[in-house]
Amino acid sequence: MNSRLSDRIWASILSLLLWAVFSVTATFSYTPTALALEYNKEILIEADFSGRDLTDSSFTKANLRQSNFSNSNLSGVSFFAANLESANLQGTDLTNATLDSARLIKANLTNAILEGAFAANAKFDGAIIDGADFTDVLLRPDEQKKLCKVAKGTNPTTGRDTRDTLFCP
C-alpha cells in the first residue's frame, strides 16, 4: 500500500511539472493583440515608438515633437490636439486615426496611409507627404490646397497616387 501511495504522489508531481512546462511554453508562444495604451497629455519629446503596434492608443494633447513613429501601426489612434511637430511618421498606418486639431507641422508622412482619418483643423504646414495616401480623409479646404502644392508620389502599399487621394486639380 505504501508503494501505491508513493506512485500516486510521484504521478501527481510529474503531472504538475508537465502542466507547468506546458503553461510556460504556451505563454511564450502566444502572441497577444496589442493593448491600447494611453499617453494623454504626456510630454514625449523625441520618444521612439518606431515599429510598434499602437492600435487604438490615445495621445490626446500629448507633446510628441520630434518623436519617431516610423513603420508603426497607428490605426484608430487618437492624436487629438497633439503636437507632432517634426515627428517621423514615415511608413505608418494611420487608418481611421483622429488627427483633429493636431499640429503636424514639418512632420514626415512619407508613404503613410491616412485612409479614413479625421483631420479637421489639423495643421500640415511644411509636412513631407510624398507617397502618402489621404483616401477619405476629412480635411479643411485650405489645408487640402496647401497639401496639393507639395503632393507627389504613389503609396507603395495601396498603390494610390497622393495627388489623386487629395483630389488635387
Protein backbone atom coordinates (compact mmCIF):
# COMPACT_ATOMS: atom_id res chain seq x y z
CA MET A 1 0.00 0.00 0.00
CA ASN A 2 2.89 2.30 0.74
CA SER A 3 4.31 1.87 -2.75
CA ARG A 4 0.89 2.68 -4.34
CA LEU A 5 0.70 5.91 -2.35
CA SER A 6 4.26 6.74 -3.34
CA ASP A 7 3.45 6.06 -7.03
CA ARG A 8 0.41 8.34 -6.83
CA ILE A 9 2.43 11.14 -5.24
CA TRP A 10 5.12 10.85 -7.92
CA ALA A 11 2.43 10.75 -10.65
CA SER A 12 0.86 13.89 -9.19
CA ILE A 13 4.23 15.67 -9.02
CA LEU A 14 5.07 14.67 -12.61
CA SER A 15 1.64 15.79 -13.77
CA LEU A 16 2.10 19.16 -12.05
CA LEU A 17 5.56 19.63 -13.57
CA LEU A 18 4.28 18.81 -17.06
CA TRP A 19 1.39 21.23 -16.62
CA ALA A 20 3.83 23.96 -15.51
CA VAL A 21 6.13 23.36 -18.50
CA PHE A 22 3.25 23.46 -21.00
CA SER A 23 1.79 26.58 -19.35
CA VAL A 24 5.11 28.42 -19.59
CA THR A 25 5.64 27.27 -23.20
CA ALA A 26 2.13 28.35 -24.16
CA THR A 27 2.69 31.75 -22.54
CA PHE A 28 5.84 32.42 -24.57
CA SER A 29 4.42 31.17 -27.86
CA TYR A 30 1.18 33.14 -27.55
CA THR A 31 1.19 36.43 -29.44
CA PRO A 32 -1.44 38.70 -27.93
CA THR A 33 -3.01 41.54 -29.86
CA ALA A 34 -1.77 44.99 -28.99
CA LEU A 35 -3.29 46.62 -25.97
CA ALA A 36 -4.46 50.19 -26.42
CA LEU A 37 -2.27 52.48 -24.36
CA GLU A 38 -2.97 55.95 -23.03
CA TYR A 39 -0.38 58.72 -23.31
CA ASN A 40 -2.83 61.61 -22.92
CA LYS A 41 -1.27 64.99 -22.05
CA GLU A 42 2.19 63.41 -21.68
CA ILE A 43 5.41 65.13 -22.69
CA LEU A 44 7.12 62.66 -25.02
CA ILE A 45 9.53 64.86 -26.95
CA GLU A 46 11.88 62.75 -29.13
CA ALA A 47 10.25 59.50 -27.93
CA ASP A 48 10.87 56.38 -30.03
CA PHE A 49 7.72 54.44 -30.94
CA SER A 50 9.13 53.11 -34.23
CA GLY A 51 7.93 49.73 -35.48
CA ARG A 52 5.31 49.36 -32.73
CA ASP A 53 1.68 48.25 -32.88
CA LEU A 54 -0.17 51.05 -31.09
CA THR A 55 -3.63 50.28 -32.49
CA ASP A 56 -6.39 52.32 -30.79
CA SER A 57 -3.97 54.02 -28.38
CA SER A 58 -4.54 57.61 -27.28
CA PHE A 59 -2.09 60.50 -27.44
CA THR A 60 -4.69 63.25 -26.86
CA LYS A 61 -2.99 66.61 -26.22
CA ALA A 62 0.42 64.91 -25.92
CA ASN A 63 3.62 66.74 -26.83
CA LEU A 64 5.26 64.39 -29.37
CA ARG A 65 7.56 66.91 -31.04
CA GLN A 66 10.38 65.16 -32.94
CA SER A 67 9.11 61.71 -31.90
CA ASN A 68 9.70 58.66 -34.10
CA PHE A 69 6.67 56.59 -35.12
CA SER A 70 8.18 55.27 -38.36
CA ASN A 71 6.73 51.99 -39.64
CA SER A 72 4.25 51.77 -36.74
CA ASN A 73 0.65 50.63 -36.79
CA LEU A 74 -1.30 53.67 -35.61
CA SER A 75 -4.72 52.63 -36.90
CA GLY A 76 -7.52 54.04 -34.79
CA VAL A 77 -5.08 56.09 -32.70
CA SER A 78 -6.20 59.43 -31.26
CA PHE A 79 -3.77 62.29 -31.78
CA PHE A 80 -6.47 64.86 -30.94
CA ALA A 81 -4.78 68.24 -30.37
CA ALA A 82 -1.37 66.52 -30.16
CA ASN A 83 1.85 68.31 -31.06
CA LEU A 84 3.51 66.17 -33.75
CA GLU A 85 5.81 68.92 -35.00
CA SER A 86 8.78 67.42 -36.86
CA ALA A 87 7.62 63.90 -35.94
CA ASN A 88 8.68 60.96 -38.11
CA LEU A 89 5.52 59.20 -39.31
CA GLN A 90 7.18 57.63 -42.34
CA GLY A 91 5.50 54.39 -43.45
CA THR A 92 2.91 54.47 -40.67
CA ASP A 93 -0.63 53.13 -40.88
CA LEU A 94 -2.88 55.93 -39.63
CA THR A 95 -6.08 54.34 -40.95
CA ASN A 96 -9.11 55.79 -39.13
CA ALA A 97 -6.89 57.83 -36.81
CA THR A 98 -8.11 61.02 -35.14
CA LEU A 99 -5.83 63.89 -36.08
CA ASP A 100 -8.32 66.66 -35.34
CA SER A 101 -6.58 69.85 -34.16
CA ALA A 102 -3.18 68.08 -34.31
CA ARG A 103 -0.03 70.01 -35.25
CA LEU A 104 1.75 68.06 -37.99
CA ILE A 105 3.99 70.98 -38.89
CA LYS A 106 7.16 69.74 -40.65
CA ALA A 107 6.11 66.13 -39.90
CA ASN A 108 7.41 63.40 -42.22
CA LEU A 109 4.41 61.48 -43.59
CA THR A 110 6.29 59.83 -46.46
CA ASN A 111 4.39 56.68 -47.58
CA ALA A 112 1.96 56.96 -44.65
CA ILE A 113 -1.59 55.61 -45.01
CA LEU A 114 -4.15 58.03 -43.57
CA GLU A 115 -7.23 56.39 -45.08
CA GLY A 116 -10.41 57.42 -43.26
CA ALA A 117 -8.56 59.64 -40.79
CA PHE A 118 -10.36 62.59 -39.25
CA ALA A 119 -8.04 65.58 -39.70
CA ALA A 120 -10.36 68.60 -39.48
CA ASN A 121 -8.42 71.57 -38.10
CA ALA A 122 -5.10 69.67 -38.35
CA LYS A 123 -2.12 71.78 -39.42
CA PHE A 124 0.25 70.29 -42.03
CA ASP A 125 2.47 73.33 -42.75
CA GLY A 126 5.81 72.14 -44.16
CA ALA A 127 4.87 68.45 -43.84
CA ILE A 128 6.51 65.93 -46.19
CA ILE A 129 3.71 63.91 -47.79
CA ASP A 130 5.50 62.10 -50.64
CA GLY A 131 3.58 58.88 -51.33
CA ALA A 132 1.06 59.48 -48.53
CA ASP A 133 -2.47 58.10 -49.03
CA PHE A 134 -5.19 60.58 -47.98
CA THR A 135 -8.16 58.49 -49.20
CA ASP A 136 -11.38 59.59 -47.44
CA VAL A 137 -9.52 61.93 -45.04
CA LEU A 138 -11.62 64.79 -43.71
CA LEU A 139 -9.51 67.95 -44.20
CA ARG A 140 -10.26 71.66 -44.17
CA PRO A 141 -10.28 73.04 -47.74
CA ASP A 142 -7.39 75.45 -47.04
CA GLU A 143 -5.19 72.61 -45.70
CA GLN A 144 -6.11 70.44 -48.69
CA LYS A 145 -4.98 73.24 -51.04
CA LYS A 146 -1.67 73.62 -49.15
CA LEU A 147 -1.07 69.87 -49.33
CA CYS A 148 -1.84 69.80 -53.07
CA LYS A 149 1.01 72.29 -53.64
CA VAL A 150 3.56 69.74 -52.38
CA ALA A 151 1.78 66.45 -53.10
CA LYS A 152 3.66 63.88 -55.18
CA GLY A 153 4.36 60.18 -55.35
CA THR A 154 2.44 56.95 -55.06
CA ASN A 155 1.90 54.99 -51.86
CA PRO A 156 3.84 51.70 -52.14
CA THR A 157 1.28 49.76 -50.09
CA THR A 158 -2.04 50.98 -51.51
CA GLY A 159 -0.76 51.92 -54.99
CA ARG A 160 -2.68 55.21 -54.82
CA ASP A 161 -1.30 58.50 -56.09
CA THR A 162 -1.05 61.13 -53.35
CA ARG A 163 -2.48 63.88 -55.57
CA ASP A 164 -5.47 61.71 -56.51
CA THR A 165 -6.26 60.88 -52.87
CA LEU A 166 -6.26 64.62 -52.07
CA PHE A 167 -8.46 65.42 -55.11
CA CYS A 168 -5.84 67.89 -56.36
CA PRO A 169 -6.71 69.73 -59.59
